């Protein structure tokens, strides 16, 4: 599929590719989908992610409009993230990709051919 880099569609696609192309972004989106919405809990849930990378991913996913951020004026301050409508759509696509991958793996293990 060709993309015109000068069109807004190409630019938007590149931005989406930048955000979703990162393995950590996918992990964050899937964790938020499961209801893990606080940064500390996300860091504990996502094996191998650093605080710095998590913060950067949360910022990018929020900037792109896949996550919403809610800050509560409490002591200590509390922040929670949630999927936006666009984020929910992207997570559905990610889940479909996981299903296709699983079907492919099952077919390979069973000796079947995958088309």
PDB file of N, CA and C in Angstrom:
ATOM      1  N   UNK A   1       0.850  -1.173   0.000  1.00  0.00           N
ATOM      2  CA  UNK A   1       0.000   0.000   0.000  1.00  0.00           C
ATOM      3  C   UNK A   1       0.896   1.236   0.000  1.00  0.00           C
ATOM      4  N   UNK A   2       0.732   2.090  -0.963  1.00  0.00           N
ATOM      5  CA  UNK A   2       1.527   3.305  -1.038  1.00  0.00           C
ATOM      6  C   UNK A   2       0.882   4.402  -0.220  1.00  0.00           C
ATOM      7  N   UNK A   3       1.739   5.219   0.377  1.00  0.00           N
ATOM      8  CA  UNK A   3       1.241   6.345   1.155  1.00  0.00           C
ATOM      9  C   UNK A   3       1.894   7.602   0.619  1.00  0.00           C
ATOM     10  N   UNK A   4       1.105   8.621   0.407  1.00  0.00           N
ATOM     11  CA  UNK A   4       1.610   9.909  -0.033  1.00  0.00           C
ATOM     12  C   UNK A   4       2.099  10.652   1.201  1.00  0.00           C
ATOM     13  N   UNK A   5       3.406  10.814   1.300  1.00  0.00           N
ATOM     14  CA  UNK A   5       4.001  11.455   2.467  1.00  0.00           C
ATOM     15  C   UNK A   5       3.610  12.915   2.599  1.00  0.00           C
ATOM     16  N   UNK A   6       3.190  13.542   1.511  1.00  0.00           N
ATOM     17  CA  UNK A   6       2.835  14.957   1.552  1.00  0.00           C
ATOM     18  C   UNK A   6       1.388  15.198   1.958  1.00  0.00           C
ATOM     19  N   UNK A   7       0.569  14.141   1.946  1.00  0.00           N
ATOM     20  CA  UNK A   7      -0.830  14.313   2.315  1.00  0.00           C
ATOM     21  C   UNK A   7      -0.984  14.182   3.818  1.00  0.00           C
ATOM     22  N   UNK A   8      -2.059  14.722   4.350  1.00  0.00           N
ATOM     23  CA  UNK A   8      -2.296  14.607   5.782  1.00  0.00           C
ATOM     24  C   UNK A   8      -2.502  13.160   6.176  1.00  0.00           C
ATOM     25  N   UNK A   9      -3.066  12.328   5.272  1.00  0.00           N
ATOM     26  CA  UNK A   9      -3.258  10.911   5.566  1.00  0.00           C
ATOM     27  C   UNK A   9      -1.932  10.214   5.801  1.00  0.00           C
ATOM     28  N   UNK A  10      -0.927  10.509   4.982  1.00  0.00           N
ATOM     29  CA  UNK A  10       0.395   9.920   5.167  1.00  0.00           C
ATOM     30  C   UNK A  10       1.005  10.338   6.479  1.00  0.00           C
ATOM     31  N   UNK A  11       0.854  11.576   6.832  1.00  0.00           N
ATOM     32  CA  UNK A  11       1.390  12.085   8.087  1.00  0.00           C
ATOM     33  C   UNK A  11       0.693  11.422   9.270  1.00  0.00           C
ATOM     34  N   UNK A  12      -0.630  11.314   9.213  1.00  0.00           N
ATOM     35  CA  UNK A  12      -1.378  10.664  10.285  1.00  0.00           C
ATOM     36  C   UNK A  12      -0.995   9.199  10.398  1.00  0.00           C
ATOM     37  N   UNK A  13      -0.823   8.536   9.252  1.00  0.00           N
ATOM     38  CA  UNK A  13      -0.428   7.135   9.281  1.00  0.00           C
ATOM     39  C   UNK A  13       0.944   6.977   9.933  1.00  0.00           C
ATOM     40  N   UNK A  14       1.874   7.851   9.589  1.00  0.00           N
ATOM     41  CA  UNK A  14       3.218   7.794  10.184  1.00  0.00           C
ATOM     42  C   UNK A  14       3.150   7.986  11.698  1.00  0.00           C
ATOM     43  N   UNK A  15       2.289   8.905  12.141  1.00  0.00           N
ATOM     44  CA  UNK A  15       2.135   9.127  13.579  1.00  0.00           C
ATOM     45  C   UNK A  15       1.582   7.877  14.255  1.00  0.00           C
ATOM     46  N   UNK A  16       0.573   7.263  13.638  1.00  0.00           N
ATOM     47  CA  UNK A  16       0.003   6.043  14.197  1.00  0.00           C
ATOM     48  C   UNK A  16       1.048   4.932  14.208  1.00  0.00           C
ATOM     49  N   UNK A  17       1.786   4.824  13.127  1.00  0.00           N
ATOM     50  CA  UNK A  17       2.841   3.814  13.035  1.00  0.00           C
ATOM     51  C   UNK A  17       3.880   4.025  14.138  1.00  0.00           C
ATOM     52  N   UNK A  18       4.223   5.268  14.414  1.00  0.00           N
ATOM     53  CA  UNK A  18       5.190   5.598  15.463  1.00  0.00           C
ATOM     54  C   UNK A  18       4.671   5.180  16.832  1.00  0.00           C
ATOM     55  N   UNK A  19       3.399   5.387  17.068  1.00  0.00           N
ATOM     56  CA  UNK A  19       2.829   5.076  18.375  1.00  0.00           C
ATOM     57  C   UNK A  19       2.591   3.577  18.527  1.00  0.00           C
ATOM     58  N   UNK A  20       1.954   2.960  17.555  1.00  0.00           N
ATOM     59  CA  UNK A  20       1.574   1.559  17.661  1.00  0.00           C
ATOM     60  C   UNK A  20       2.738   0.627  17.336  1.00  0.00           C
ATOM     61  N   UNK A  21       3.715   1.102  16.587  1.00  0.00           N
ATOM     62  CA  UNK A  21       4.850   0.270  16.217  1.00  0.00           C
ATOM     63  C   UNK A  21       5.746  -0.101  17.378  1.00  0.00           C
ATOM     64  N   UNK A  22       5.558   0.504  18.501  1.00  0.00           N
ATOM     65  CA  UNK A  22       6.368   0.235  19.687  1.00  0.00           C
ATOM     66  C   UNK A  22       5.709  -0.881  20.497  1.00  0.00           C
ATOM     67  N   UNK A  23       6.486  -1.902  20.833  1.00  0.00           N
ATOM     68  CA  UNK A  23       5.918  -3.023  21.592  1.00  0.00           C
ATOM     69  C   UNK A  23       5.361  -2.562  22.930  1.00  0.00           C
ATOM     70  N   UNK A  24       5.958  -1.518  23.496  1.00  0.00           N
ATOM     71  CA  UNK A  24       5.477  -1.041  24.793  1.00  0.00           C
ATOM     72  C   UNK A  24       4.116  -0.380  24.668  1.00  0.00           C
ATOM     73  N   UNK A  25       3.868   0.299  23.564  1.00  0.00           N
ATOM     74  CA  UNK A  25       2.564   0.937  23.366  1.00  0.00           C
ATOM     75  C   UNK A  25       1.455  -0.102  23.364  1.00  0.00           C
ATOM     76  N   UNK A  26       1.679  -1.181  22.656  1.00  0.00           N
ATOM     77  CA  UNK A  26       0.677  -2.245  22.591  1.00  0.00           C
ATOM     78  C   UNK A  26       0.450  -2.821  23.984  1.00  0.00           C
ATOM     79  N   UNK A  27       1.524  -3.056  24.724  1.00  0.00           N
ATOM     80  CA  UNK A  27       1.402  -3.598  26.080  1.00  0.00           C
ATOM     81  C   UNK A  27       0.621  -2.658  26.986  1.00  0.00           C
ATOM     82  N   UNK A  28       0.883  -1.355  26.866  1.00  0.00           N
ATOM     83  CA  UNK A  28       0.176  -0.367  27.684  1.00  0.00           C
ATOM     84  C   UNK A  28      -1.308  -0.355  27.321  1.00  0.00           C
ATOM     85  N   UNK A  29      -1.621  -0.315  26.049  1.00  0.00           N
ATOM     86  CA  UNK A  29      -3.020  -0.290  25.617  1.00  0.00           C
ATOM     87  C   UNK A  29      -3.776  -1.528  26.101  1.00  0.00           C
ATOM     88  N   UNK A  30      -3.158  -2.693  25.971  1.00  0.00           N
ATOM     89  CA  UNK A  30      -3.824  -3.926  26.398  1.00  0.00           C
ATOM     90  C   UNK A  30      -4.006  -3.964  27.915  1.00  0.00           C
ATOM     91  N   UNK A  31      -3.040  -3.447  28.661  1.00  0.00           N
ATOM     92  CA  UNK A  31      -3.159  -3.419  30.118  1.00  0.00           C
ATOM     93  C   UNK A  31      -4.274  -2.471  30.550  1.00  0.00           C
ATOM     94  N   UNK A  32      -4.354  -1.303  29.921  1.00  0.00           N
ATOM     95  CA  UNK A  32      -5.422  -0.356  30.253  1.00  0.00           C
ATOM     96  C   UNK A  32      -6.773  -0.980  29.910  1.00  0.00           C
ATOM     97  N   UNK A  33      -6.828  -1.718  28.820  1.00  0.00           N
ATOM     98  CA  UNK A  33      -8.066  -2.408  28.433  1.00  0.00           C
ATOM     99  C   UNK A  33      -8.505  -3.385  29.533  1.00  0.00           C
ATOM    100  N   UNK A  34      -7.516  -4.002  30.217  1.00  0.00           N
ATOM    101  CA  UNK A  34      -7.809  -4.952  31.297  1.00  0.00           C
ATOM    102  C   UNK A  34      -8.213  -4.248  32.596  1.00  0.00           C
ATOM    103  N   UNK A  35      -8.106  -2.903  32.618  1.00  0.00           N
ATOM    104  CA  UNK A  35      -8.493  -2.174  33.819  1.00  0.00           C
ATOM    105  C   UNK A  35      -7.329  -1.734  34.690  1.00  0.00           C
ATOM    106  N   UNK A  36      -6.124  -1.908  34.209  1.00  0.00           N
ATOM    107  CA  UNK A  36      -4.942  -1.454  34.939  1.00  0.00           C
ATOM    108  C   UNK A  36      -4.700  -0.026  34.480  1.00  0.00           C
ATOM    109  N   UNK A  37      -5.059   0.950  35.321  1.00  0.00           N
ATOM    110  CA  UNK A  37      -5.150   2.328  34.857  1.00  0.00           C
ATOM    111  C   UNK A  37      -4.200   3.309  35.543  1.00  0.00           C
ATOM    112  N   UNK A  38      -3.502   2.862  36.573  1.00  0.00           N
ATOM    113  CA  UNK A  38      -2.586   3.773  37.267  1.00  0.00           C
ATOM    114  C   UNK A  38      -1.146   3.472  36.865  1.00  0.00           C
ATOM    115  N   UNK A  39      -0.317   4.505  36.725  1.00  0.00           N
ATOM    116  CA  UNK A  39       1.053   4.302  36.245  1.00  0.00           C
ATOM    117  C   UNK A  39       1.855   3.261  37.033  1.00  0.00           C
ATOM    118  N   UNK A  40       1.784   3.303  38.357  1.00  0.00           N
ATOM    119  CA  UNK A  40       2.533   2.333  39.160  1.00  0.00           C
ATOM    120  C   UNK A  40       2.079   0.907  38.898  1.00  0.00           C
ATOM    121  N   UNK A  41       0.775   0.724  38.792  1.00  0.00           N
ATOM    122  CA  UNK A  41       0.227  -0.606  38.512  1.00  0.00           C
ATOM    123  C   UNK A  41       0.619  -1.068  37.107  1.00  0.00           C
ATOM    124  N   UNK A  42       0.621  -0.144  36.156  1.00  0.00           N
ATOM    125  CA  UNK A  42       1.041  -0.480  34.794  1.00  0.00           C
ATOM    126  C   UNK A  42       2.504  -0.929  34.785  1.00  0.00           C
ATOM    127  N   UNK A  43       3.333  -0.197  35.508  1.00  0.00           N
ATOM    128  CA  UNK A  43       4.760  -0.542  35.553  1.00  0.00           C
ATOM    129  C   UNK A  43       4.969  -1.927  36.164  1.00  0.00           C
ATOM    130  N   UNK A  44       4.212  -2.260  37.192  1.00  0.00           N
ATOM    131  CA  UNK A  44       4.330  -3.589  37.817  1.00  0.00           C
ATOM    132  C   UNK A  44       3.777  -4.680  36.897  1.00  0.00           C
ATOM    133  N   UNK A  45       2.741  -4.365  36.139  1.00  0.00           N
ATOM    134  CA  UNK A  45       2.077  -5.350  35.284  1.00  0.00           C
ATOM    135  C   UNK A  45       2.874  -5.660  34.011  1.00  0.00           C
ATOM    136  N   UNK A  46       3.529  -4.654  33.448  1.00  0.00           N
ATOM    137  CA  UNK A  46       4.231  -4.822  32.170  1.00  0.00           C
ATOM    138  C   UNK A  46       5.687  -5.162  32.448  1.00  0.00           C
ATOM    139  N   UNK A  47       6.001  -6.416  32.332  1.00  0.00           N
ATOM    140  CA  UNK A  47       7.340  -6.917  32.648  1.00  0.00           C
ATOM    141  C   UNK A  47       8.398  -6.275  31.738  1.00  0.00           C
ATOM    142  N   UNK A  48       9.418  -5.696  32.363  1.00  0.00           N
ATOM    143  CA  UNK A  48      10.549  -5.157  31.617  1.00  0.00           C
ATOM    144  C   UNK A  48      10.464  -3.690  31.248  1.00  0.00           C
ATOM    145  N   UNK A  49       9.325  -3.044  31.467  1.00  0.00           N
ATOM    146  CA  UNK A  49       9.207  -1.629  31.099  1.00  0.00           C
ATOM    147  C   UNK A  49       9.798  -0.768  32.214  1.00  0.00           C
ATOM    148  N   UNK A  50      10.513   0.270  31.825  1.00  0.00           N
ATOM    149  CA  UNK A  50      11.086   1.193  32.809  1.00  0.00           C
ATOM    150  C   UNK A  50      10.113   2.342  33.054  1.00  0.00           C
ATOM    151  N   UNK A  51      10.318   3.037  34.153  1.00  0.00           N
ATOM    152  CA  UNK A  51       9.480   4.191  34.476  1.00  0.00           C
ATOM    153  C   UNK A  51       9.561   5.232  33.369  1.00  0.00           C
ATOM    154  N   UNK A  52      10.774   5.470  32.860  1.00  0.00           N
ATOM    155  CA  UNK A  52      10.977   6.464  31.814  1.00  0.00           C
ATOM    156  C   UNK A  52      10.216   6.090  30.533  1.00  0.00           C
ATOM    157  N   UNK A  53      10.333   4.842  30.102  1.00  0.00           N
ATOM    158  CA  UNK A  53       9.666   4.404  28.870  1.00  0.00           C
ATOM    159  C   UNK A  53       8.153   4.428  29.067  1.00  0.00           C
ATOM    160  N   UNK A  54       7.677   3.987  30.232  1.00  0.00           N
ATOM    161  CA  UNK A  54       6.242   4.020  30.492  1.00  0.00           C
ATOM    162  C   UNK A  54       5.713   5.446  30.426  1.00  0.00           C
ATOM    163  N   UNK A  55       6.412   6.374  31.052  1.00  0.00           N
ATOM    164  CA  UNK A  55       5.981   7.773  31.024  1.00  0.00           C
ATOM    165  C   UNK A  55       5.924   8.303  29.602  1.00  0.00           C
ATOM    166  N   UNK A  56       6.936   7.978  28.796  1.00  0.00           N
ATOM    167  CA  UNK A  56       6.969   8.436  27.408  1.00  0.00           C
ATOM    168  C   UNK A  56       5.818   7.822  26.610  1.00  0.00           C
ATOM    169  N   UNK A  57       5.570   6.537  26.795  1.00  0.00           N
ATOM    170  CA  UNK A  57       4.482   5.868  26.067  1.00  0.00           C
ATOM    171  C   UNK A  57       3.128   6.432  26.479  1.00  0.00           C
ATOM    172  N   UNK A  58       2.917   6.652  27.773  1.00  0.00           N
ATOM    173  CA  UNK A  58       1.647   7.219  28.230  1.00  0.00           C
ATOM    174  C   UNK A  58       1.438   8.607  27.622  1.00  0.00           C
ATOM    175  N   UNK A  59       2.501   9.389  27.580  1.00  0.00           N
ATOM    176  CA  UNK A  59       2.415  10.728  26.997  1.00  0.00           C
ATOM    177  C   UNK A  59       2.078  10.654  25.507  1.00  0.00           C
ATOM    178  N   UNK A  60       2.769   9.784  24.767  1.00  0.00           N
ATOM    179  CA  UNK A  60       2.518   9.665  23.322  1.00  0.00           C
ATOM    180  C   UNK A  60       1.114   9.137  23.045  1.00  0.00           C
ATOM    181  N   UNK A  61       0.695   8.128  23.789  1.00  0.00           N
ATOM    182  CA  UNK A  61      -0.630   7.554  23.570  1.00  0.00           C
ATOM    183  C   UNK A  61      -1.726   8.560  23.898  1.00  0.00           C
ATOM    184  N   UNK A  62      -1.472   9.408  24.877  1.00  0.00           N
ATOM    185  CA  UNK A  62      -2.425  10.462  25.234  1.00  0.00           C
ATOM    186  C   UNK A  62      -2.425  11.545  24.161  1.00  0.00           C
ATOM    187  N   UNK A  63      -1.242  11.955  23.720  1.00  0.00           N
ATOM    188  CA  UNK A  63      -1.140  12.976  22.668  1.00  0.00           C
ATOM    189  C   UNK A  63      -1.821  12.514  21.386  1.00  0.00           C
ATOM    190  N   UNK A  64      -1.689  11.245  21.063  1.00  0.00           N
ATOM    191  CA  UNK A  64      -2.278  10.726  19.839  1.00  0.00           C
ATOM    192  C   UNK A  64      -3.787  10.545  19.972  1.00  0.00           C
ATOM    193  N   UNK A  65      -4.296  10.560  21.191  1.00  0.00           N
ATOM    194  CA  UNK A  65      -5.734  10.452  21.400  1.00  0.00           C
ATOM    195  C   UNK A  65      -6.232   9.040  21.632  1.00  0.00           C
ATOM    196  N   UNK A  66      -5.313   8.122  21.979  1.00  0.00           N
ATOM    197  CA  UNK A  66      -5.722   6.750  22.255  1.00  0.00           C
ATOM    198  C   UNK A  66      -6.038   6.536  23.732  1.00  0.00           C
ATOM    199  N   UNK A  67      -5.420   7.354  24.579  1.00  0.00           N
ATOM    200  CA  UNK A  67      -5.672   7.305  26.020  1.00  0.00           C
ATOM    201  C   UNK A  67      -6.152   8.665  26.498  1.00  0.00           C
ATOM    202  N   UNK A  68      -6.962   8.636  27.540  1.00  0.00           N
ATOM    203  CA  UNK A  68      -7.326   9.870  28.236  1.00  0.00           C
ATOM    204  C   UNK A  68      -6.643   9.830  29.597  1.00  0.00           C
ATOM    205  N   UNK A  69      -6.329  10.991  30.118  1.00  0.00           N
ATOM    206  CA  UNK A  69      -5.634  11.093  31.398  1.00  0.00           C
ATOM    207  C   UNK A  69      -6.512  11.887  32.360  1.00  0.00           C
ATOM    208  N   UNK A  70      -6.705  11.326  33.548  1.00  0.00           N
ATOM    209  CA  UNK A  70      -7.465  12.016  34.587  1.00  0.00           C
ATOM    210  C   UNK A  70      -6.576  12.159  35.808  1.00  0.00           C
ATOM    211  N   UNK A  71      -6.392  13.395  36.245  1.00  0.00           N
ATOM    212  CA  UNK A  71      -5.606  13.657  37.456  1.00  0.00           C
ATOM    213  C   UNK A  71      -6.559  14.062  38.568  1.00  0.00           C
ATOM    214  N   UNK A  72      -6.376  13.458  39.720  1.00  0.00           N
ATOM    215  CA  UNK A  72      -7.228  13.740  40.866  1.00  0.00           C
ATOM    216  C   UNK A  72      -6.473  14.624  41.851  1.00  0.00           C
ATOM    217  N   UNK A  73      -7.079  15.721  42.288  1.00  0.00           N
ATOM    218  CA  UNK A  73      -6.401  16.646  43.214  1.00  0.00           C
ATOM    219  C   UNK A  73      -6.423  16.108  44.645  1.00  0.00           C
ATOM    220  N   UNK A  74      -5.627  15.093  44.869  1.00  0.00           N
ATOM    221  CA  UNK A  74      -5.533  14.462  46.179  1.00  0.00           C
ATOM    222  C   UNK A  74      -4.102  14.541  46.665  1.00  0.00           C
ATOM    223  N   UNK A  75      -3.918  14.206  47.920  1.00  0.00           N
ATOM    224  CA  UNK A  75      -2.565  14.103  48.469  1.00  0.00           C
ATOM    225  C   UNK A  75      -2.399  12.675  48.953  1.00  0.00           C
ATOM    226  N   UNK A  76      -1.496  11.891  48.373  1.00  0.00           N
ATOM    227  CA  UNK A  76      -0.679  12.223  47.203  1.00  0.00           C
ATOM    228  C   UNK A  76      -1.536  12.251  45.931  1.00  0.00           C
ATOM    229  N   UNK A  77      -1.057  12.959  44.895  1.00  0.00           N
ATOM    230  CA  UNK A  77      -1.811  13.058  43.648  1.00  0.00           C
ATOM    231  C   UNK A  77      -2.007  11.680  43.013  1.00  0.00           C
ATOM    232  N   UNK A  78      -3.123  11.508  42.352  1.00  0.00           N
ATOM    233  CA  UNK A  78      -3.446  10.236  41.693  1.00  0.00           C
ATOM    234  C   UNK A  78      -3.781  10.540  40.239  1.00  0.00           C
ATOM    235  N   UNK A  79      -3.229   9.715  39.351  1.00  0.00           N
ATOM    236  CA  UNK A  79      -3.494   9.831  37.922  1.00  0.00           C
ATOM    237  C   UNK A  79      -3.976   8.487  37.404  1.00  0.00           C
ATOM    238  N   UNK A  80      -4.993   8.534  36.567  1.00  0.00           N
ATOM    239  CA  UNK A  80      -5.501   7.316  35.937  1.00  0.00           C
ATOM    240  C   UNK A  80      -5.652   7.543  34.442  1.00  0.00           C
ATOM    241  N   UNK A  81      -5.485   6.463  33.696  1.00  0.00           N
ATOM    242  CA  UNK A  81      -5.614   6.507  32.242  1.00  0.00           C
ATOM    243  C   UNK A  81      -6.770   5.612  31.815  1.00  0.00           C
ATOM    244  N   UNK A  82      -7.394   5.981  30.717  1.00  0.00           N
ATOM    245  CA  UNK A  82      -8.476   5.181  30.150  1.00  0.00           C
ATOM    246  C   UNK A  82      -8.393   5.220  28.643  1.00  0.00           C
ATOM    247  N   UNK A  83      -9.008   4.239  28.022  1.00  0.00           N
ATOM    248  CA  UNK A  83      -9.045   4.213  26.560  1.00  0.00           C
ATOM    249  C   UNK A  83     -10.084   5.200  26.048  1.00  0.00           C
ATOM    250  N   UNK A  84      -9.719   5.955  25.039  1.00  0.00           N
ATOM    251  CA  UNK A  84     -10.684   6.799  24.339  1.00  0.00           C
ATOM    252  C   UNK A  84     -11.447   5.908  23.364  1.00  0.00           C
ATOM    253  N   UNK A  85     -12.434   6.459  22.677  1.00  0.00           N
ATOM    254  CA  UNK A  85     -13.148   5.671  21.658  1.00  0.00           C
ATOM    255  C   UNK A  85     -12.186   5.199  20.577  1.00  0.00           C
ATOM    256  N   UNK A  86     -11.270   6.072  20.178  1.00  0.00           N
ATOM    257  CA  UNK A  86     -10.272   5.683  19.167  1.00  0.00           C
ATOM    258  C   UNK A  86      -9.366   4.600  19.724  1.00  0.00           C
ATOM    259  N   UNK A  87      -8.966   4.736  20.975  1.00  0.00           N
ATOM    260  CA  UNK A  87      -8.141   3.720  21.619  1.00  0.00           C
ATOM    261  C   UNK A  87      -8.833   2.369  21.669  1.00  0.00           C
ATOM    262  N   UNK A  88     -10.128   2.369  21.936  1.00  0.00           N
ATOM    263  CA  UNK A  88     -10.897   1.121  21.957  1.00  0.00           C
ATOM    264  C   UNK A  88     -10.896   0.461  20.577  1.00  0.00           C
ATOM    265  N   UNK A  89     -11.012   1.274  19.538  1.00  0.00           N
ATOM    266  CA  UNK A  89     -10.985   0.741  18.172  1.00  0.00           C
ATOM    267  C   UNK A  89      -9.627   0.122  17.859  1.00  0.00           C
ATOM    268  N   UNK A  90      -8.562   0.811  18.262  1.00  0.00           N
ATOM    269  CA  UNK A  90      -7.207   0.307  18.003  1.00  0.00           C
ATOM    270  C   UNK A  90      -6.975  -0.990  18.766  1.00  0.00           C
ATOM    271  N   UNK A  91      -7.435  -1.068  20.006  1.00  0.00           N
ATOM    272  CA  UNK A  91      -7.267  -2.288  20.796  1.00  0.00           C
ATOM    273  C   UNK A  91      -8.021  -3.450  20.148  1.00  0.00           C
ATOM    274  N   UNK A  92      -9.193  -3.198  19.589  1.00  0.00           N
ATOM    275  CA  UNK A  92      -9.927  -4.259  18.889  1.00  0.00           C
ATOM    276  C   UNK A  92      -9.106  -4.796  17.717  1.00  0.00           C
ATOM    277  N   UNK A  93      -8.456  -3.886  16.995  1.00  0.00           N
ATOM    278  CA  UNK A  93      -7.610  -4.304  15.869  1.00  0.00           C
ATOM    279  C   UNK A  93      -6.427  -5.131  16.374  1.00  0.00           C
ATOM    280  N   UNK A  94      -5.805  -4.689  17.463  1.00  0.00           N
ATOM    281  CA  UNK A  94      -4.676  -5.430  18.048  1.00  0.00           C
ATOM    282  C   UNK A  94      -5.133  -6.829  18.459  1.00  0.00           C
ATOM    283  N   UNK A  95      -6.307  -6.929  19.074  1.00  0.00           N
ATOM    284  CA  UNK A  95      -6.830  -8.222  19.484  1.00  0.00           C
ATOM    285  C   UNK A  95      -7.107  -9.119  18.274  1.00  0.00           C
ATOM    286  N   UNK A  96      -7.577  -8.527  17.171  1.00  0.00           N
ATOM    287  CA  UNK A  96      -7.803  -9.306  15.955  1.00  0.00           C
ATOM    288  C   UNK A  96      -6.484  -9.824  15.392  1.00  0.00           C
ATOM    289  N   UNK A  97      -5.448  -9.011  15.469  1.00  0.00           N
ATOM    290  CA  UNK A  97      -4.120  -9.441  15.005  1.00  0.00           C
ATOM    291  C   UNK A  97      -3.633 -10.607  15.869  1.00  0.00           C
ATOM    292  N   UNK A  98      -3.851 -10.523  17.182  1.00  0.00           N
ATOM    293  CA  UNK A  98      -3.470 -11.614  18.079  1.00  0.00           C
ATOM    294  C   UNK A  98      -4.225 -12.893  17.709  1.00  0.00           C
ATOM    295  N   UNK A  99      -5.514 -12.777  17.372  1.00  0.00           N
ATOM    296  CA  UNK A  99      -6.309 -13.947  16.983  1.00  0.00           C
ATOM    297  C   UNK A  99      -5.756 -14.581  15.713  1.00  0.00           C
ATOM    298  N   UNK A 100      -5.430 -13.763  14.726  1.00  0.00           N
ATOM    299  CA  UNK A 100      -4.869 -14.281  13.474  1.00  0.00           C
ATOM    300  C   UNK A 100      -3.546 -14.981  13.756  1.00  0.00           C
ATOM    301  N   UNK A 101      -2.715 -14.390  14.603  1.00  0.00           N
ATOM    302  CA  UNK A 101      -1.434 -14.990  14.960  1.00  0.00           C
ATOM    303  C   UNK A 101      -1.650 -16.348  15.638  1.00  0.00           C
ATOM    304  N   UNK A 102      -2.601 -16.404  16.554  1.00  0.00           N
ATOM    305  CA  UNK A 102      -2.876 -17.662  17.259  1.00  0.00           C
ATOM    306  C   UNK A 102      -3.386 -18.723  16.289  1.00  0.00           C
ATOM    307  N   UNK A 103      -4.273 -18.336  15.381  1.00  0.00           N
ATOM    308  CA  UNK A 103      -4.776 -19.276  14.375  1.00  0.00           C
ATOM    309  C   UNK A 103      -3.627 -19.794  13.513  1.00  0.00           C
ATOM    310  N   UNK A 104      -2.737 -18.894  13.140  1.00  0.00           N
ATOM    311  CA  UNK A 104      -1.576 -19.276  12.325  1.00  0.00           C
ATOM    312  C   UNK A 104      -0.682 -20.257  13.084  1.00  0.00           C
ATOM    313  N   UNK A 105      -0.427 -19.977  14.357  1.00  0.00           N
ATOM    314  CA  UNK A 105       0.409 -20.870  15.175  1.00  0.00           C
ATOM    315  C   UNK A 105      -0.243 -22.237  15.322  1.00  0.00           C
ATOM    316  N   UNK A 106      -1.555 -22.257  15.566  1.00  0.00           N
ATOM    317  CA  UNK A 106      -2.275 -23.509  15.720  1.00  0.00           C
ATOM    318  C   UNK A 106      -2.216 -24.321  14.427  1.00  0.00           C
ATOM    319  N   UNK A 107      -2.362 -23.668  13.288  1.00  0.00           N
ATOM    320  CA  UNK A 107      -2.301 -24.350  11.999  1.00  0.00           C
ATOM    321  C   UNK A 107      -0.910 -24.916  11.760  1.00  0.00           C
ATOM    322  N   UNK A 108       0.138 -24.174  12.131  1.00  0.00           N
ATOM    323  CA  UNK A 108       1.506 -24.656  11.956  1.00  0.00           C
ATOM    324  C   UNK A 108       1.772 -25.874  12.839  1.00  0.00           C
ATOM    325  N   UNK A 109       1.279 -25.823  14.066  1.00  0.00           N
ATOM    326  CA  UNK A 109       1.506 -26.938  14.998  1.00  0.00           C
ATOM    327  C   UNK A 109       0.729 -28.181  14.583  1.00  0.00           C
ATOM    328  N   UNK A 110      -0.422 -27.955  13.967  1.00  0.00           N
ATOM    329  CA  UNK A 110      -1.250 -29.070  13.522  1.00  0.00           C
ATOM    330  C   UNK A 110      -0.864 -29.600  12.163  1.00  0.00           C
ATOM    331  N   UNK A 111       0.116 -28.977  11.527  1.00  0.00           N
ATOM    332  CA  UNK A 111       0.563 -29.430  10.216  1.00  0.00           C
ATOM    333  C   UNK A 111      -0.313 -28.919   9.078  1.00  0.00           C
ATOM    334  N   UNK A 112      -1.283 -28.083   9.416  1.00  0.00           N
ATOM    335  CA  UNK A 112      -2.155 -27.540   8.371  1.00  0.00           C
ATOM    336  C   UNK A 112      -1.492 -26.430   7.617  1.00  0.00           C
ATOM    337  N   UNK A 113      -2.028 -26.126   6.480  1.00  0.00           N
ATOM    338  CA  UNK A 113      -1.503 -25.039   5.680  1.00  0.00           C
ATOM    339  C   UNK A 113      -2.281 -23.773   5.979  1.00  0.00           C
ATOM    340  N   UNK A 114      -1.584 -22.678   6.044  1.00  0.00           N
ATOM    341  CA  UNK A 114      -2.200 -21.380   6.290  1.00  0.00           C
ATOM    342  C   UNK A 114      -2.187 -20.612   4.993  1.00  0.00           C
ATOM    343  N   UNK A 115      -3.317 -20.064   4.627  1.00  0.00           N
ATOM    344  CA  UNK A 115      -3.392 -19.279   3.390  1.00  0.00           C
ATOM    345  C   UNK A 115      -3.263 -17.827   3.678  1.00  0.00           C
TER     346      UNK A 115
END
